[in-house]
Each structure stands twice: as structure tokens, then as C-alpha cells.
Amino acid sequence: MQTEPNDKEGRNMTYWGWLLVGIALLLTALSGTQTSLCQRMRSVPVYRGLTYWEVQQIAKAALTSITPCGEDTIRRWVSERYQIALRFNRYDICLGVEEEIDG
């Protein structure tokens, strides 16, 4: 004899279903970030002269750190295996690549 689930069981199944959907979406988003940050940043032939806003539009990722360096700043974007650090002047104009690590 088959019985209908009570309200508590139904809510519990709904909770687990939404939790699994959320985990799947999070894993999908995270797995694409590593290679896509590298691909997006490497698609730019020259950073010198770009504004911080323009670089941020290319990166489409949160800035990881800002380090003062005299009158300039070093801004770093990091994904799991890739990172790039760019030097910016006080007017937020990129002066070039300070460091790039892949692997």
C-alpha cells in the first residue's frame, strides 16, 4: 500500500532538491572560472595604457589584492592555477604586467 508523503517529508525532499541544484550551479561556475580568467587575460596583447576599469571588464573576476608600490599600485587577479599582477599609476592607467604565473 502506497502512502502520500506528509508535509515534513515533502519539505525535506524540496530542501535537498534545491540544495543539490545550488551545489551543481556553484560547481559549474567555479570550474569555468580558472581557465576562462586565463583565456580572457591572455587575449589582450598589450595592457599598457588601459584603465583599471577596462582591465576589470576583461577579467570579469574579483580583484584579489592591491599592493602599494611607491606612487603606483600592483593589482592582482588569482584563480586556482593562474594569476596576473598589473602595475597601475595613481591615475589608474596600466603601466604593464608585473607578474604572470600559470601552473
PDB file of N, CA and C in Angstrom:
ATOM      1  N   MET A   1       0.838  -1.179   0.000  1.00  0.00           N
ATOM      2  CA  MET A   1       0.000   0.000   0.000  1.00  0.00           C
ATOM      3  C   MET A   1       0.887   1.248   0.000  1.00  0.00           C
ATOM      4  N   GLN A   2       0.635   2.130  -0.954  1.00  0.00           N
ATOM      5  CA  GLN A   2       1.437   3.335  -1.093  1.00  0.00           C
ATOM      6  C   GLN A   2       0.761   4.476  -0.352  1.00  0.00           C
ATOM      7  N   THR A   3       1.584   5.243   0.396  1.00  0.00           N
ATOM      8  CA  THR A   3       1.019   6.369   1.147  1.00  0.00           C
ATOM      9  C   THR A   3       1.630   7.665   0.631  1.00  0.00           C
ATOM     10  N   GLU A   4       0.888   8.713   0.789  1.00  0.00           N
ATOM     11  CA  GLU A   4       1.358  10.042   0.389  1.00  0.00           C
ATOM     12  C   GLU A   4       2.358  10.550   1.426  1.00  0.00           C
ATOM     13  N   PRO A   5       3.421  11.266   0.981  1.00  0.00           N
ATOM     14  CA  PRO A   5       4.360  11.824   1.957  1.00  0.00           C
ATOM     15  C   PRO A   5       3.680  12.920   2.764  1.00  0.00           C
ATOM     16  N   ASN A   6       4.024  12.976   4.048  1.00  0.00           N
ATOM     17  CA  ASN A   6       3.434  14.042   4.850  1.00  0.00           C
ATOM     18  C   ASN A   6       4.153  15.358   4.552  1.00  0.00           C
ATOM     19  N   ASP A   7       3.687  16.454   5.113  1.00  0.00           N
ATOM     20  CA  ASP A   7       4.246  17.783   4.823  1.00  0.00           C
ATOM     21  C   ASP A   7       5.726  17.875   5.162  1.00  0.00           C
ATOM     22  N   LYS A   8       6.138  17.271   6.272  1.00  0.00           N
ATOM     23  CA  LYS A   8       7.535  17.345   6.679  1.00  0.00           C
ATOM     24  C   LYS A   8       8.428  16.626   5.668  1.00  0.00           C
ATOM     25  N   GLU A   9       8.022  15.469   5.199  1.00  0.00           N
ATOM     26  CA  GLU A   9       8.804  14.727   4.208  1.00  0.00           C
ATOM     27  C   GLU A   9       8.865  15.499   2.888  1.00  0.00           C
ATOM     28  N   GLY A  10       7.784  16.106   2.502  1.00  0.00           N
ATOM     29  CA  GLY A  10       7.745  16.892   1.269  1.00  0.00           C
ATOM     30  C   GLY A  10       8.676  18.093   1.334  1.00  0.00           C
ATOM     31  N   ARG A  11       8.661  18.786   2.461  1.00  0.00           N
ATOM     32  CA  ARG A  11       9.561  19.935   2.639  1.00  0.00           C
ATOM     33  C   ARG A  11      11.012  19.482   2.650  1.00  0.00           C
ATOM     34  N   ASN A  12      11.269  18.341   3.277  1.00  0.00           N
ATOM     35  CA  ASN A  12      12.626  17.808   3.353  1.00  0.00           C
ATOM     36  C   ASN A  12      13.133  17.458   1.955  1.00  0.00           C
ATOM     37  N   MET A  13      12.293  16.844   1.118  1.00  0.00           N
ATOM     38  CA  MET A  13      12.687  16.496  -0.245  1.00  0.00           C
ATOM     39  C   MET A  13      12.935  17.760  -1.069  1.00  0.00           C
ATOM     40  N   THR A  14      12.102  18.775  -0.885  1.00  0.00           N
ATOM     41  CA  THR A  14      12.277  20.034  -1.598  1.00  0.00           C
ATOM     42  C   THR A  14      13.590  20.705  -1.200  1.00  0.00           C
ATOM     43  N   TYR A  15      13.892  20.695   0.101  1.00  0.00           N
ATOM     44  CA  TYR A  15      15.142  21.270   0.597  1.00  0.00           C
ATOM     45  C   TYR A  15      16.348  20.602  -0.049  1.00  0.00           C
ATOM     46  N   TRP A  16      16.371  19.281  -0.045  1.00  0.00           N
ATOM     47  CA  TRP A  16      17.506  18.549  -0.624  1.00  0.00           C
ATOM     48  C   TRP A  16      17.601  18.760  -2.133  1.00  0.00           C
ATOM     49  N   GLY A  17      16.473  18.866  -2.782  1.00  0.00           N
ATOM     50  CA  GLY A  17      16.485  19.131  -4.225  1.00  0.00           C
ATOM     51  C   GLY A  17      17.104  20.478  -4.543  1.00  0.00           C
ATOM     52  N   TRP A  18      16.686  21.518  -3.832  1.00  0.00           N
ATOM     53  CA  TRP A  18      17.242  22.856  -4.059  1.00  0.00           C
ATOM     54  C   TRP A  18      18.708  22.918  -3.667  1.00  0.00           C
ATOM     55  N   LEU A  19      19.087  22.200  -2.617  1.00  0.00           N
ATOM     56  CA  LEU A  19      20.482  22.168  -2.204  1.00  0.00           C
ATOM     57  C   LEU A  19      21.354  21.555  -3.299  1.00  0.00           C
ATOM     58  N   LEU A  20      20.901  20.465  -3.890  1.00  0.00           N
ATOM     59  CA  LEU A  20      21.646  19.818  -4.963  1.00  0.00           C
ATOM     60  C   LEU A  20      21.749  20.722  -6.201  1.00  0.00           C
ATOM     61  N   VAL A  21      20.682  21.408  -6.523  1.00  0.00           N
ATOM     62  CA  VAL A  21      20.707  22.349  -7.655  1.00  0.00           C
ATOM     63  C   VAL A  21      21.718  23.467  -7.379  1.00  0.00           C
ATOM     64  N   GLY A  22      21.704  23.995  -6.161  1.00  0.00           N
ATOM     65  CA  GLY A  22      22.643  25.060  -5.795  1.00  0.00           C
ATOM     66  C   GLY A  22      24.092  24.603  -5.873  1.00  0.00           C
ATOM     67  N   ILE A  23      24.373  23.419  -5.381  1.00  0.00           N
ATOM     68  CA  ILE A  23      25.733  22.875  -5.446  1.00  0.00           C
ATOM     69  C   ILE A  23      26.165  22.680  -6.889  1.00  0.00           C
ATOM     70  N   ALA A  24      25.282  22.166  -7.722  1.00  0.00           N
ATOM     71  CA  ALA A  24      25.614  21.953  -9.138  1.00  0.00           C
ATOM     72  C   ALA A  24      25.926  23.282  -9.829  1.00  0.00           C
ATOM     73  N   LEU A  25      25.135  24.319  -9.553  1.00  0.00           N
ATOM     74  CA  LEU A  25      25.387  25.638 -10.152  1.00  0.00           C
ATOM     75  C   LEU A  25      26.706  26.230  -9.668  1.00  0.00           C
ATOM     76  N   LEU A  26      26.994  26.065  -8.385  1.00  0.00           N
ATOM     77  CA  LEU A  26      28.239  26.577  -7.836  1.00  0.00           C
ATOM     78  C   LEU A  26      29.444  25.878  -8.454  1.00  0.00           C
ATOM     79  N   LEU A  27      29.391  24.574  -8.559  1.00  0.00           N
ATOM     80  CA  LEU A  27      30.497  23.820  -9.164  1.00  0.00           C
ATOM     81  C   LEU A  27      30.688  24.189 -10.629  1.00  0.00           C
ATOM     82  N   THR A  28      29.611  24.398 -11.342  1.00  0.00           N
ATOM     83  CA  THR A  28      29.703  24.816 -12.749  1.00  0.00           C
ATOM     84  C   THR A  28      30.373  26.174 -12.859  1.00  0.00           C
ATOM     85  N   ALA A  29      29.980  27.095 -12.016  1.00  0.00           N
ATOM     86  CA  ALA A  29      30.563  28.433 -12.054  1.00  0.00           C
ATOM     87  C   ALA A  29      32.042  28.409 -11.690  1.00  0.00           C
ATOM     88  N   LEU A  30      32.402  27.644 -10.683  1.00  0.00           N
ATOM     89  CA  LEU A  30      33.792  27.597 -10.246  1.00  0.00           C
ATOM     90  C   LEU A  30      34.693  26.899 -11.250  1.00  0.00           C
ATOM     91  N   SER A  31      34.217  25.877 -11.885  1.00  0.00           N
ATOM     92  CA  SER A  31      35.057  25.141 -12.825  1.00  0.00           C
ATOM     93  C   SER A  31      35.377  25.968 -14.061  1.00  0.00           C
ATOM     94  N   GLY A  32      34.503  26.852 -14.472  1.00  0.00           N
ATOM     95  CA  GLY A  32      34.753  27.682 -15.640  1.00  0.00           C
ATOM     96  C   GLY A  32      35.629  28.886 -15.350  1.00  0.00           C
ATOM     97  N   THR A  33      35.759  29.284 -14.086  1.00  0.00           N
ATOM     98  CA  THR A  33      36.497  30.483 -13.726  1.00  0.00           C
ATOM     99  C   THR A  33      37.992  30.334 -13.956  1.00  0.00           C
ATOM    100  N   GLN A  34      38.570  29.188 -13.646  1.00  0.00           N
ATOM    101  CA  GLN A  34      40.018  29.012 -13.714  1.00  0.00           C
ATOM    102  C   GLN A  34      40.543  29.232 -15.123  1.00  0.00           C
ATOM    103  N   THR A  35      40.032  28.506 -16.066  1.00  0.00           N
ATOM    104  CA  THR A  35      40.556  28.627 -17.422  1.00  0.00           C
ATOM    105  C   THR A  35      40.063  29.896 -18.087  1.00  0.00           C
ATOM    106  N   SER A  36      38.858  30.315 -17.800  1.00  0.00           N
ATOM    107  CA  SER A  36      38.344  31.481 -18.502  1.00  0.00           C
ATOM    108  C   SER A  36      39.063  32.764 -18.076  1.00  0.00           C
ATOM    109  N   LEU A  37      39.479  32.889 -16.818  1.00  0.00           N
ATOM    110  CA  LEU A  37      40.243  34.071 -16.420  1.00  0.00           C
ATOM    111  C   LEU A  37      41.551  34.104 -17.208  1.00  0.00           C
ATOM    112  N   CYS A  38      42.233  32.976 -17.282  1.00  0.00           N
ATOM    113  CA  CYS A  38      43.482  32.880 -18.034  1.00  0.00           C
ATOM    114  C   CYS A  38      43.248  33.214 -19.508  1.00  0.00           C
ATOM    115  N   GLN A  39      42.231  32.650 -20.090  1.00  0.00           N
ATOM    116  CA  GLN A  39      41.942  32.897 -21.506  1.00  0.00           C
ATOM    117  C   GLN A  39      41.596  34.357 -21.752  1.00  0.00           C
ATOM    118  N   ARG A  40      40.777  34.934 -20.878  1.00  0.00           N
ATOM    119  CA  ARG A  40      40.388  36.339 -21.065  1.00  0.00           C
ATOM    120  C   ARG A  40      41.592  37.266 -20.928  1.00  0.00           C
ATOM    121  N   MET A  41      42.417  37.028 -19.918  1.00  0.00           N
ATOM    122  CA  MET A  41      43.546  37.917 -19.685  1.00  0.00           C
ATOM    123  C   MET A  41      44.616  37.755 -20.767  1.00  0.00           C
ATOM    124  N   ARG A  42      44.779  36.555 -21.268  1.00  0.00           N
ATOM    125  CA  ARG A  42      45.780  36.333 -22.319  1.00  0.00           C
ATOM    126  C   ARG A  42      45.298  36.784 -23.691  1.00  0.00           C
ATOM    127  N   SER A  43      44.031  37.086 -23.814  1.00  0.00           N
ATOM    128  CA  SER A  43      43.513  37.550 -25.101  1.00  0.00           C
ATOM    129  C   SER A  43      43.917  38.997 -25.393  1.00  0.00           C
ATOM    130  N   VAL A  44      44.447  39.689 -24.391  1.00  0.00           N
ATOM    131  CA  VAL A  44      44.846  41.090 -24.553  1.00  0.00           C
ATOM    132  C   VAL A  44      46.331  41.147 -24.919  1.00  0.00           C
ATOM    133  N   PRO A  45      46.665  41.692 -26.086  1.00  0.00           N
ATOM    134  CA  PRO A  45      48.079  41.720 -26.490  1.00  0.00           C
ATOM    135  C   PRO A  45      48.921  42.708 -25.673  1.00  0.00           C
ATOM    136  N   VAL A  46      48.333  43.860 -25.294  1.00  0.00           N
ATOM    137  CA  VAL A  46      49.076  44.882 -24.555  1.00  0.00           C
ATOM    138  C   VAL A  46      48.153  45.502 -23.506  1.00  0.00           C
ATOM    139  N   TYR A  47      48.615  45.504 -22.258  1.00  0.00           N
ATOM    140  CA  TYR A  47      47.847  46.124 -21.178  1.00  0.00           C
ATOM    141  C   TYR A  47      48.211  47.597 -20.981  1.00  0.00           C
ATOM    142  N   ARG A  48      49.421  47.954 -21.336  1.00  0.00           N
ATOM    143  CA  ARG A  48      49.908  49.318 -21.118  1.00  0.00           C
ATOM    144  C   ARG A  48      48.951  50.318 -21.769  1.00  0.00           C
ATOM    145  N   GLY A  49      48.515  51.269 -20.954  1.00  0.00           N
ATOM    146  CA  GLY A  49      47.619  52.307 -21.446  1.00  0.00           C
ATOM    147  C   GLY A  49      46.145  52.059 -21.150  1.00  0.00           C
ATOM    148  N   LEU A  50      45.789  50.819 -20.793  1.00  0.00           N
ATOM    149  CA  LEU A  50      44.394  50.542 -20.445  1.00  0.00           C
ATOM    150  C   LEU A  50      44.098  51.076 -19.054  1.00  0.00           C
ATOM    151  N   THR A  51      42.862  51.492 -18.834  1.00  0.00           N
ATOM    152  CA  THR A  51      42.463  51.932 -17.499  1.00  0.00           C
ATOM    153  C   THR A  51      42.123  50.709 -16.648  1.00  0.00           C
ATOM    154  N   TYR A  52      42.099  50.915 -15.331  1.00  0.00           N
ATOM    155  CA  TYR A  52      41.726  49.829 -14.416  1.00  0.00           C
ATOM    156  C   TYR A  52      40.324  49.316 -14.769  1.00  0.00           C
ATOM    157  N   TRP A  53      39.418  50.220 -15.070  1.00  0.00           N
ATOM    158  CA  TRP A  53      38.047  49.823 -15.412  1.00  0.00           C
ATOM    159  C   TRP A  53      38.044  48.917 -16.639  1.00  0.00           C
ATOM    160  N   GLU A  54      38.843  49.242 -17.662  1.00  0.00           N
ATOM    161  CA  GLU A  54      38.908  48.416 -18.869  1.00  0.00           C
ATOM    162  C   GLU A  54      39.471  47.024 -18.564  1.00  0.00           C
ATOM    163  N   VAL A  55      40.499  46.971 -17.742  1.00  0.00           N
ATOM    164  CA  VAL A  55      41.084  45.674 -17.368  1.00  0.00           C
ATOM    165  C   VAL A  55      40.071  44.858 -16.568  1.00  0.00           C
ATOM    166  N   GLN A  56      39.352  45.503 -15.665  1.00  0.00           N
ATOM    167  CA  GLN A  56      38.351  44.794 -14.857  1.00  0.00           C
ATOM    168  C   GLN A  56      37.250  44.232 -15.746  1.00  0.00           C
ATOM    169  N   GLN A  57      36.877  44.929 -16.802  1.00  0.00           N
ATOM    170  CA  GLN A  57      35.868  44.428 -17.729  1.00  0.00           C
ATOM    171  C   GLN A  57      36.377  43.198 -18.475  1.00  0.00           C
ATOM    172  N   ILE A  58      37.669  43.140 -18.740  1.00  0.00           N
ATOM    173  CA  ILE A  58      38.259  41.968 -19.397  1.00  0.00           C
ATOM    174  C   ILE A  58      38.333  40.797 -18.433  1.00  0.00           C
ATOM    175  N   ALA A  59      38.791  41.052 -17.209  1.00  0.00           N
ATOM    176  CA  ALA A  59      38.974  39.984 -16.214  1.00  0.00           C
ATOM    177  C   ALA A  59      37.645  39.361 -15.814  1.00  0.00           C
ATOM    178  N   LYS A  60      36.628  40.171 -15.619  1.00  0.00           N
ATOM    179  CA  LYS A  60      35.315  39.692 -15.162  1.00  0.00           C
ATOM    180  C   LYS A  60      35.444  38.814 -13.928  1.00  0.00           C
ATOM    181  N   ALA A  61      36.394  39.173 -13.076  1.00  0.00           N
ATOM    182  CA  ALA A  61      36.623  38.444 -11.830  1.00  0.00           C
ATOM    183  C   ALA A  61      36.993  39.451 -10.750  1.00  0.00           C
ATOM    184  N   ALA A  62      36.748  39.072  -9.527  1.00  0.00           N
ATOM    185  CA  ALA A  62      37.066  39.960  -8.416  1.00  0.00           C
ATOM    186  C   ALA A  62      38.573  40.131  -8.282  1.00  0.00           C
ATOM    187  N   LEU A  63      38.980  41.332  -8.007  1.00  0.00           N
ATOM    188  CA  LEU A  63      40.371  41.640  -7.736  1.00  0.00           C
ATOM    189  C   LEU A  63      40.769  40.939  -6.448  1.00  0.00           C
ATOM    190  N   THR A  64      41.938  40.298  -6.424  1.00  0.00           N
ATOM    191  CA  THR A  64      42.366  39.541  -5.252  1.00  0.00           C
ATOM    192  C   THR A  64      43.132  40.402  -4.260  1.00  0.00           C
ATOM    193  N   SER A  65      44.025  41.261  -4.761  1.00  0.00           N
ATOM    194  CA  SER A  65      44.787  42.107  -3.836  1.00  0.00           C
ATOM    195  C   SER A  65      45.267  43.379  -4.530  1.00  0.00           C
ATOM    196  N   ILE A  66      45.510  44.385  -3.697  1.00  0.00           N
ATOM    197  CA  ILE A  66      46.097  45.648  -4.143  1.00  0.00           C
ATOM    198  C   ILE A  66      47.285  45.918  -3.227  1.00  0.00           C
ATOM    199  N   THR A  67      48.458  46.114  -3.831  1.00  0.00           N
ATOM    200  CA  THR A  67      49.674  46.354  -3.058  1.00  0.00           C
ATOM    201  C   THR A  67      50.273  47.694  -3.485  1.00  0.00           C
ATOM    202  N   PRO A  68      50.453  48.624  -2.541  1.00  0.00           N
ATOM    203  CA  PRO A  68      51.102  49.888  -2.884  1.00  0.00           C
ATOM    204  C   PRO A  68      52.556  49.642  -3.277  1.00  0.00           C
ATOM    205  N   CYS A  69      53.018  50.395  -4.255  1.00  0.00           N
ATOM    206  CA  CYS A  69      54.399  50.275  -4.723  1.00  0.00           C
ATOM    207  C   CYS A  69      54.861  51.682  -5.110  1.00  0.00           C
ATOM    208  N   GLY A  70      55.347  52.441  -4.135  1.00  0.00           N
ATOM    209  CA  GLY A  70      55.670  53.847  -4.368  1.00  0.00           C
ATOM    210  C   GLY A  70      54.398  54.616  -4.676  1.00  0.00           C
ATOM    211  N   GLU A  71      54.374  55.339  -5.777  1.00  0.00           N
ATOM    212  CA  GLU A  71      53.164  56.051  -6.197  1.00  0.00           C
ATOM    213  C   GLU A  71      52.219  55.149  -6.985  1.00  0.00           C
ATOM    214  N   ASP A  72      52.695  53.975  -7.354  1.00  0.00           N
ATOM    215  CA  ASP A  72      51.904  53.034  -8.145  1.00  0.00           C
ATOM    216  C   ASP A  72      51.237  51.995  -7.241  1.00  0.00           C
ATOM    217  N   THR A  73      50.382  51.180  -7.851  1.00  0.00           N
ATOM    218  CA  THR A  73      49.793  50.034  -7.143  1.00  0.00           C
ATOM    219  C   THR A  73      49.920  48.800  -8.025  1.00  0.00           C
ATOM    220  N   ILE A  74      50.088  47.655  -7.375  1.00  0.00           N
ATOM    221  CA  ILE A  74      50.091  46.372  -8.061  1.00  0.00           C
ATOM    222  C   ILE A  74      48.746  45.730  -7.749  1.00  0.00           C
ATOM    223  N   ARG A  75      48.006  45.430  -8.789  1.00  0.00           N
ATOM    224  CA  ARG A  75      46.686  44.795  -8.618  1.00  0.00           C
ATOM    225  C   ARG A  75      46.761  43.390  -9.176  1.00  0.00           C
ATOM    226  N   ARG A  76      46.293  42.432  -8.377  1.00  0.00           N
ATOM    227  CA  ARG A  76      46.467  41.018  -8.704  1.00  0.00           C
ATOM    228  C   ARG A  76      45.111  40.319  -8.794  1.00  0.00           C
ATOM    229  N   TRP A  77      44.986  39.530  -9.847  1.00  0.00           N
ATOM    230  CA  TRP A  77      43.833  38.651 -10.025  1.00  0.00           C
ATOM    231  C   TRP A  77      44.348  37.214  -9.951  1.00  0.00           C
ATOM    232  N   VAL A  78      43.665  36.365  -9.189  1.00  0.00           N
ATOM    233  CA  VAL A  78      44.127  34.991  -8.992  1.00  0.00           C
ATOM    234  C   VAL A  78      42.962  34.031  -9.161  1.00  0.00           C
ATOM    235  N   SER A  79      43.200  32.985  -9.954  1.00  0.00           N
ATOM    236  CA  SER A  79      42.319  31.829  -9.949  1.00  0.00           C
ATOM    237  C   SER A  79      43.172  30.673  -9.433  1.00  0.00           C
ATOM    238  N   GLU A  80      42.655  29.494  -9.435  1.00  0.00           N
ATOM    239  CA  GLU A  80      43.363  28.389  -8.782  1.00  0.00           C
ATOM    240  C   GLU A  80      44.794  28.196  -9.296  1.00  0.00           C
ATOM    241  N   ARG A  81      44.979  28.135 -10.605  1.00  0.00           N
ATOM    242  CA  ARG A  81      46.313  27.876 -11.159  1.00  0.00           C
ATOM    243  C   ARG A  81      46.898  29.063 -11.923  1.00  0.00           C
ATOM    244  N   TYR A  82      46.172  30.128 -12.063  1.00  0.00           N
ATOM    245  CA  TYR A  82      46.626  31.261 -12.866  1.00  0.00           C
ATOM    246  C   TYR A  82      46.536  32.540 -12.043  1.00  0.00           C
ATOM    247  N   GLN A  83      47.531  33.390 -12.195  1.00  0.00           N
ATOM    248  CA  GLN A  83      47.460  34.713 -11.576  1.00  0.00           C
ATOM    249  C   GLN A  83      48.214  35.722 -12.421  1.00  0.00           C
ATOM    250  N   ILE A  84      47.724  36.934 -12.368  1.00  0.00           N
ATOM    251  CA  ILE A  84      48.376  38.023 -13.101  1.00  0.00           C
ATOM    252  C   ILE A  84      48.361  39.259 -12.204  1.00  0.00           C
ATOM    253  N   ALA A  85      49.501  39.949 -12.191  1.00  0.00           N
ATOM    254  CA  ALA A  85      49.638  41.190 -11.430  1.00  0.00           C
ATOM    255  C   ALA A  85      49.997  42.301 -12.406  1.00  0.00           C
ATOM    256  N   LEU A  86      49.224  43.368 -12.366  1.00  0.00           N
ATOM    257  CA  LEU A  86      49.445  44.512 -13.245  1.00  0.00           C
ATOM    258  C   LEU A  86      49.775  45.747 -12.414  1.00  0.00           C
ATOM    259  N   ARG A  87      50.680  46.557 -12.921  1.00  0.00           N
ATOM    260  CA  ARG A  87      51.058  47.800 -12.243  1.00  0.00           C
ATOM    261  C   ARG A  87      50.229  48.945 -12.812  1.00  0.00           C
ATOM    262  N   PHE A  88      49.647  49.750 -11.903  1.00  0.00           N
ATOM    263  CA  PHE A  88      48.845  50.910 -12.286  1.00  0.00           C
ATOM    264  C   PHE A  88      49.429  52.161 -11.645  1.00  0.00           C
ATOM    265  N   ASN A  89      49.365  53.279 -12.379  1.00  0.00           N
ATOM    266  CA  ASN A  89      49.815  54.538 -11.794  1.00  0.00           C
ATOM    267  C   ASN A  89      48.698  55.144 -10.945  1.00  0.00           C
ATOM    268  N   ARG A  90      48.948  56.316 -10.397  1.00  0.00           N
ATOM    269  CA  ARG A  90      47.962  56.938  -9.497  1.00  0.00           C
ATOM    270  C   ARG A  90      46.685  57.367 -10.215  1.00  0.00           C
ATOM    271  N   TYR A  91      46.713  57.386 -11.553  1.00  0.00           N
ATOM    272  CA  TYR A  91      45.528  57.736 -12.339  1.00  0.00           C
ATOM    273  C   TYR A  91      44.780  56.495 -12.828  1.00  0.00           C
ATOM    274  N   ASP A  92      45.157  55.329 -12.312  1.00  0.00           N
ATOM    275  CA  ASP A  92      44.553  54.034 -12.684  1.00  0.00           C
ATOM    276  C   ASP A  92      44.785  53.673 -14.143  1.00  0.00           C
ATOM    277  N   ILE A  93      45.927  54.065 -14.678  1.00  0.00           N
ATOM    278  CA  ILE A  93      46.338  53.667 -16.020  1.00  0.00           C
ATOM    279  C   ILE A  93      47.361  52.550 -15.876  1.00  0.00           C
ATOM    280  N   CYS A  94      47.178  51.465 -16.611  1.00  0.00           N
ATOM    281  CA  CYS A  94      48.076  50.323 -16.516  1.00  0.00           C
ATOM    282  C   CYS A  94      49.433  50.653 -17.125  1.00  0.00           C
ATOM    283  N   LEU A  95      50.479  50.301 -16.392  1.00  0.00           N
ATOM    284  CA  LEU A  95      51.850  50.508 -16.865  1.00  0.00           C
ATOM    285  C   LEU A  95      52.449  49.223 -17.420  1.00  0.00           C
ATOM    286  N   GLY A  96      51.753  48.113 -17.226  1.00  0.00           N
ATOM    287  CA  GLY A  96      52.216  46.843 -17.778  1.00  0.00           C
ATOM    288  C   GLY A  96      52.066  45.685 -16.804  1.00  0.00           C
ATOM    289  N   VAL A  97      52.491  44.520 -17.268  1.00  0.00           N
ATOM    290  CA  VAL A  97      52.407  43.295 -16.468  1.00  0.00           C
ATOM    291  C   VAL A  97      53.591  43.243 -15.518  1.00  0.00           C
ATOM    292  N   GLU A  98      53.296  43.094 -14.243  1.00  0.00           N
ATOM    293  CA  GLU A  98      54.333  42.960 -13.220  1.00  0.00           C
ATOM    294  C   GLU A  98      54.724  41.488 -13.062  1.00  0.00           C
ATOM    295  N   GLU A  99      53.733  40.604 -13.109  1.00  0.00           N
ATOM    296  CA  GLU A  99      53.981  39.170 -12.943  1.00  0.00           C
ATOM    297  C   GLU A  99      52.815  38.389 -13.506  1.00  0.00           C
ATOM    298  N   GLU A 100      53.115  37.261 -14.121  1.00  0.00           N
ATOM    299  CA  GLU A 100      52.069  36.365 -14.628  1.00  0.00           C
ATOM    300  C   GLU A 100      52.533  34.939 -14.359  1.00  0.00           C
ATOM    301  N   ILE A 101      51.686  34.157 -13.685  1.00  0.00           N
ATOM    302  CA  ILE A 101      52.025  32.779 -13.321  1.00  0.00           C
ATOM    303  C   ILE A 101      50.912  31.869 -13.804  1.00  0.00           C
ATOM    304  N   ASP A 102      51.293  30.840 -14.500  1.00  0.00           N
ATOM    305  CA  ASP A 102      50.322  29.846 -14.971  1.00  0.00           C
ATOM    306  C   ASP A 102      50.844  28.460 -14.598  1.00  0.00           C
ATOM    307  N   GLY A 103      50.156  27.831 -13.655  1.00  0.00           N
ATOM    308  CA  GLY A 103      50.563  26.474 -13.276  1.00  0.00           C
ATOM    309  C   GLY A 103      51.025  26.408 -11.940  1.00  0.00           C
TER     310      GLY A 103
END
